[in-house]
Structure formats: structure tokens, C-alpha cells
Amino acid sequence: MITKCCRILSIFFGITAIFAVSINTPSHSSPARRPMRNLAQALDAVDVQGIGGVSASSSQDENPPLHAFDSDPKTRWCAVSNKFPQWIQADLGQARRVDRATLSWERTTETYRCRIVGSTDGQHWVTLFDGAKEHGIGDGTVSLRPQSVRYVRLLVLGSSTSGWASLWEISIKYLETNGQETAWHPQRPSSAL
């Protein structure tokens, strides 16, 4: 009983310490970073681990992966550096027959060499779209190879100006069993704890 109480307290205080550091500690490493103001921002900062069904290879604290799926044109996902490859991924929750994706990159004057891949298990991937050749692609909608997948990952392999992987929005469309096309939206966590 005492061990169980100690473990619960250590988990609670560990989580409290993580949120306290995330919410109250300004960063000295980047002048562009701002302290987080509330619990929702703290949750967004850990989306790189997959909260809401969205994850990424890396992300800036103020530009987490969930922002690329929030339908807000003022928020974005951005990788932490211009090192490639970088990726952003959606867990659709179950296998769905994907057919299109719309990309809105942060820099509209750049093109990005990228691939969109899909998987049923998160381990074995098939190419759904290949924009890795020549100059890459810019903003717009791309047709995906129709495939039933649970995970959809955008792999960013490079850019025309060595800019960072950064998206205002990505929209993944899939077909319902009746043939109707639906846009996938991530699940927001209902509570922090």
C-alpha cells in the first residue's frame, strides 16, 4: 500500500514538474520561443509523442504536429532544424481507404521533395504518393494510391532552399464504405490527467 501511494505521488509530482517546467520556464536557447501559457499549450508541446493521433520526427515547442491538422490557418507544425528527412504522421485510428491529401506549406515560394507513405501496423510502409523526384512539390492537393491504411506519414526529404519542414495544414481524405469522401481530424484529448 505504501509503495503504491509513493508511486502515485512520484508520478503526480513528476507530471507536475514536467508541466511546471513547460509552462513557466522561458527558453534561453531560442529567442523566438515563448513560455507556454496554459495546459492546452503544454499538451500540444508533447504531441511529438502522438497525442491526438498525430506525431512527428521532431517539432518546435510552439509549432507542434497537431497544429498541422487543426484547420487554423495561423498555426503550423515545424521541425526543429533543416536536417532531412523529417516527417509528420497521422494515426487514423483504424484502417481507412485514403485517396487524397492537401498540403499547405509554410513557405509558398519553396518546393519540397517528399513522399506520402501508409501502413496498417506502423512498421511496414507502402508509397501512396512520390514527390521526391526533380524539384518536388508546392501547395496543393495530391492524389494518393488508393490503399487501406491506418497510419499516413508525410516524409519531407528536402526543399528547394534548404528550408525547414513546416506545414500550415495537411488534410488527409479517405473514402467511407458508401463512397463518400471524408477529411480525417485528430482526436483532442478530453483532459490532461
Protein backbone atom coordinates (compact mmCIF):
# COMPACT_ATOMS: atom_id res chain seq x y z
CA MET A 1 0.00 0.00 0.00
CA ILE A 2 2.76 2.45 0.92
CA THR A 3 4.69 1.54 -2.24
CA LYS A 4 1.59 2.13 -4.37
CA CYS A 5 0.97 5.54 -2.73
CA CYS A 6 4.62 6.51 -3.23
CA ARG A 7 4.46 5.50 -6.89
CA ILE A 8 1.26 7.52 -7.42
CA LEU A 9 2.80 10.55 -5.70
CA SER A 10 6.02 10.25 -7.69
CA ILE A 11 4.04 10.03 -10.93
CA PHE A 12 1.91 13.01 -9.90
CA PHE A 13 4.88 15.13 -8.86
CA GLY A 14 6.82 14.05 -11.94
CA ILE A 15 3.96 15.15 -14.19
CA THR A 16 3.52 18.34 -12.17
CA ALA A 17 7.24 19.07 -12.53
CA ILE A 18 7.13 18.46 -16.29
CA PHE A 19 4.15 20.80 -16.71
CA ALA A 20 5.67 23.39 -14.35
CA VAL A 21 8.86 23.44 -16.38
CA SER A 22 6.96 23.50 -19.67
CA ILE A 23 4.57 26.23 -18.58
CA ASN A 24 6.83 28.52 -16.55
CA THR A 25 10.37 28.20 -17.85
CA PRO A 26 11.39 30.51 -20.69
CA SER A 27 13.90 29.08 -23.11
CA HIS A 28 17.34 30.59 -23.34
CA SER A 29 18.26 28.60 -26.45
CA SER A 30 15.91 30.32 -28.88
CA PRO A 31 14.72 33.92 -28.76
CA ALA A 32 11.62 33.00 -30.78
CA ARG A 33 10.29 30.63 -28.08
CA ARG A 34 7.71 31.93 -25.63
CA PRO A 35 6.69 30.39 -22.31
CA MET A 36 3.52 28.30 -22.55
CA ARG A 37 0.50 29.96 -21.02
CA ASN A 38 -1.88 27.10 -20.32
CA LEU A 39 -2.35 23.36 -20.11
CA ALA A 40 -3.57 23.08 -23.73
CA GLN A 41 -0.28 24.55 -24.92
CA ALA A 42 1.62 22.13 -22.68
CA LEU A 43 -0.31 19.22 -24.21
CA ASP A 44 0.42 20.48 -27.74
CA ALA A 45 4.13 20.61 -26.89
CA VAL A 46 4.19 16.84 -26.28
CA ASP A 47 2.24 15.97 -29.43
CA VAL A 48 5.55 14.79 -30.90
CA GLN A 49 4.80 11.63 -28.83
CA GLY A 50 1.44 11.11 -30.52
CA ILE A 51 -1.31 12.86 -28.55
CA GLY A 52 -4.41 13.20 -30.70
CA GLY A 53 -3.17 10.59 -33.16
CA VAL A 54 -0.53 12.95 -34.57
CA SER A 55 3.24 12.59 -34.19
CA ALA A 56 6.41 13.85 -35.85
CA SER A 57 10.11 13.17 -36.08
CA SER A 58 10.66 16.50 -34.28
CA SER A 59 8.86 19.75 -33.63
CA GLN A 60 9.43 23.18 -32.20
CA ASP A 61 7.62 23.65 -28.87
CA GLU A 62 5.49 26.46 -30.25
CA ASN A 63 4.77 24.61 -33.53
CA PRO A 64 3.73 21.05 -32.57
CA PRO A 65 2.47 18.48 -35.09
CA LEU A 66 -1.16 18.77 -34.01
CA HIS A 67 -1.18 22.33 -35.42
CA ALA A 68 -0.88 20.96 -38.96
CA PHE A 69 -4.27 19.25 -38.51
CA ASP A 70 -6.20 21.90 -36.55
CA SER A 71 -7.79 23.78 -39.52
CA ASP A 72 -6.36 27.04 -38.15
CA PRO A 73 -4.50 28.95 -40.88
CA LYS A 74 -2.47 30.82 -38.22
CA THR A 75 -0.86 27.72 -36.66
CA ARG A 76 1.67 25.30 -38.12
CA TRP A 77 3.96 22.34 -37.49
CA CYS A 78 7.67 22.98 -37.89
CA ALA A 79 10.60 20.60 -37.45
CA VAL A 80 13.39 21.67 -35.08
CA SER A 81 16.01 22.04 -37.80
CA ASN A 82 16.68 21.95 -41.54
CA LYS A 83 18.12 18.44 -41.28
CA PHE A 84 16.33 15.95 -43.52
CA PRO A 85 14.46 13.66 -43.57
CA GLN A 86 11.71 14.93 -41.26
CA TRP A 87 8.21 13.50 -41.01
CA ILE A 88 4.73 14.14 -39.66
CA GLN A 89 2.29 11.27 -39.17
CA ALA A 90 -1.41 10.71 -38.53
CA ASP A 91 -2.87 7.63 -36.84
CA LEU A 92 -6.32 7.40 -38.39
CA GLY A 93 -7.48 5.13 -35.56
CA GLN A 94 -8.39 2.28 -37.90
CA ALA A 95 -7.63 1.26 -41.48
CA ARG A 96 -9.24 3.69 -43.91
CA ARG A 97 -9.12 3.84 -47.70
CA VAL A 98 -7.17 7.07 -48.27
CA ASP A 99 -7.41 8.82 -51.64
CA ARG A 100 -6.13 12.44 -51.42
CA ALA A 101 -4.02 14.78 -49.32
CA THR A 102 -3.88 18.57 -49.40
CA LEU A 103 -0.68 20.28 -48.30
CA SER A 104 -0.22 23.92 -47.34
CA TRP A 105 3.48 24.59 -46.75
CA GLU A 106 4.73 27.49 -44.64
CA ARG A 107 6.84 28.88 -47.50
CA THR A 108 4.78 29.11 -50.65
CA THR A 109 7.80 30.04 -52.79
CA GLU A 110 9.61 26.79 -51.94
CA THR A 111 9.12 23.31 -53.27
CA TYR A 112 9.61 20.22 -51.14
CA ARG A 113 10.84 16.78 -52.11
CA CYS A 114 8.53 14.46 -50.21
CA ARG A 115 6.73 11.14 -50.13
CA ILE A 116 3.46 10.16 -48.53
CA VAL A 117 3.53 6.61 -47.22
CA GLY A 118 0.94 4.47 -45.46
CA SER A 119 0.94 1.49 -43.13
CA THR A 120 -1.54 -0.80 -41.43
CA ASP A 121 0.79 -1.55 -38.49
CA GLY A 122 3.20 1.41 -38.24
CA GLN A 123 6.12 -0.83 -39.25
CA HIS A 124 5.70 -1.79 -42.91
CA TRP A 125 5.16 1.12 -45.29
CA VAL A 126 3.89 1.47 -48.86
CA THR A 127 4.27 4.56 -51.04
CA LEU A 128 0.98 6.38 -51.61
CA PHE A 129 2.48 9.41 -53.39
CA ASP A 130 6.01 10.14 -54.59
CA GLY A 131 7.01 13.80 -54.94
CA ALA A 132 10.67 13.13 -54.23
CA LYS A 133 11.92 13.48 -57.79
CA GLU A 134 13.28 16.57 -59.51
CA HIS A 135 12.11 19.83 -57.94
CA GLY A 136 9.48 18.49 -55.53
CA ILE A 137 6.02 19.92 -54.94
CA GLY A 138 4.41 23.04 -53.51
CA ASP A 139 0.96 23.76 -52.09
CA GLY A 140 -1.99 21.80 -53.39
CA THR A 141 -3.85 18.52 -53.47
CA VAL A 142 -2.19 15.28 -54.48
CA SER A 143 -3.89 12.03 -55.41
CA LEU A 144 -2.87 9.07 -53.28
CA ARG A 145 -2.66 5.49 -54.46
CA PRO A 146 -5.95 4.18 -53.04
CA GLN A 147 -4.97 1.95 -50.14
CA SER A 148 -6.45 0.93 -46.80
CA VAL A 149 -4.02 2.16 -44.14
CA ARG A 150 -4.18 3.19 -40.51
CA TYR A 151 -1.04 5.36 -40.48
CA VAL A 152 -0.26 8.08 -43.01
CA ARG A 153 3.19 9.68 -42.92
CA LEU A 154 4.47 12.65 -44.90
CA LEU A 155 8.24 12.24 -45.32
CA VAL A 156 9.98 15.52 -46.15
CA LEU A 157 13.29 14.71 -47.85
CA GLY A 158 14.49 18.21 -48.77
CA SER A 159 13.49 21.63 -50.02
CA SER A 160 14.49 23.94 -52.85
CA THR A 161 16.16 26.41 -50.47
CA SER A 162 17.21 24.13 -47.60
CA GLY A 163 14.35 25.49 -45.51
CA TRP A 164 12.87 23.54 -42.63
CA ALA A 165 9.97 21.11 -42.96
CA SER A 166 7.00 23.28 -41.97
CA LEU A 167 3.29 22.99 -42.81
CA TRP A 168 0.37 25.30 -42.08
CA GLU A 169 -2.04 22.44 -42.80
CA ILE A 170 -2.25 18.90 -44.09
CA SER A 171 -5.61 17.35 -44.81
CA ILE A 172 -5.97 13.61 -45.38
CA LYS A 173 -9.10 12.46 -47.19
CA TYR A 174 -10.46 8.92 -47.11
CA LEU A 175 -13.45 7.13 -48.58
CA GLU A 176 -16.30 5.88 -46.39
CA THR A 177 -17.83 2.48 -47.21
CA ASN A 178 -20.63 4.32 -49.08
CA GLY A 179 -18.01 6.07 -51.28
CA GLN A 180 -18.36 9.46 -49.61
CA GLU A 181 -15.06 11.30 -49.12
CA THR A 182 -14.31 12.45 -45.57
CA ALA A 183 -11.49 14.55 -44.13
CA TRP A 184 -9.71 12.98 -41.16
CA HIS A 185 -9.46 15.05 -37.97
CA PRO A 186 -7.36 14.19 -34.91
CA GLN A 187 -8.94 13.45 -31.57
CA ARG A 188 -8.23 16.16 -28.99
CA PRO A 189 -7.51 14.81 -25.51
CA SER A 190 -10.51 15.37 -23.24
CA SER A 191 -8.42 16.02 -20.14
CA ALA A 192 -4.78 16.24 -19.15
CA LEU A 193 -4.81 13.58 -16.43
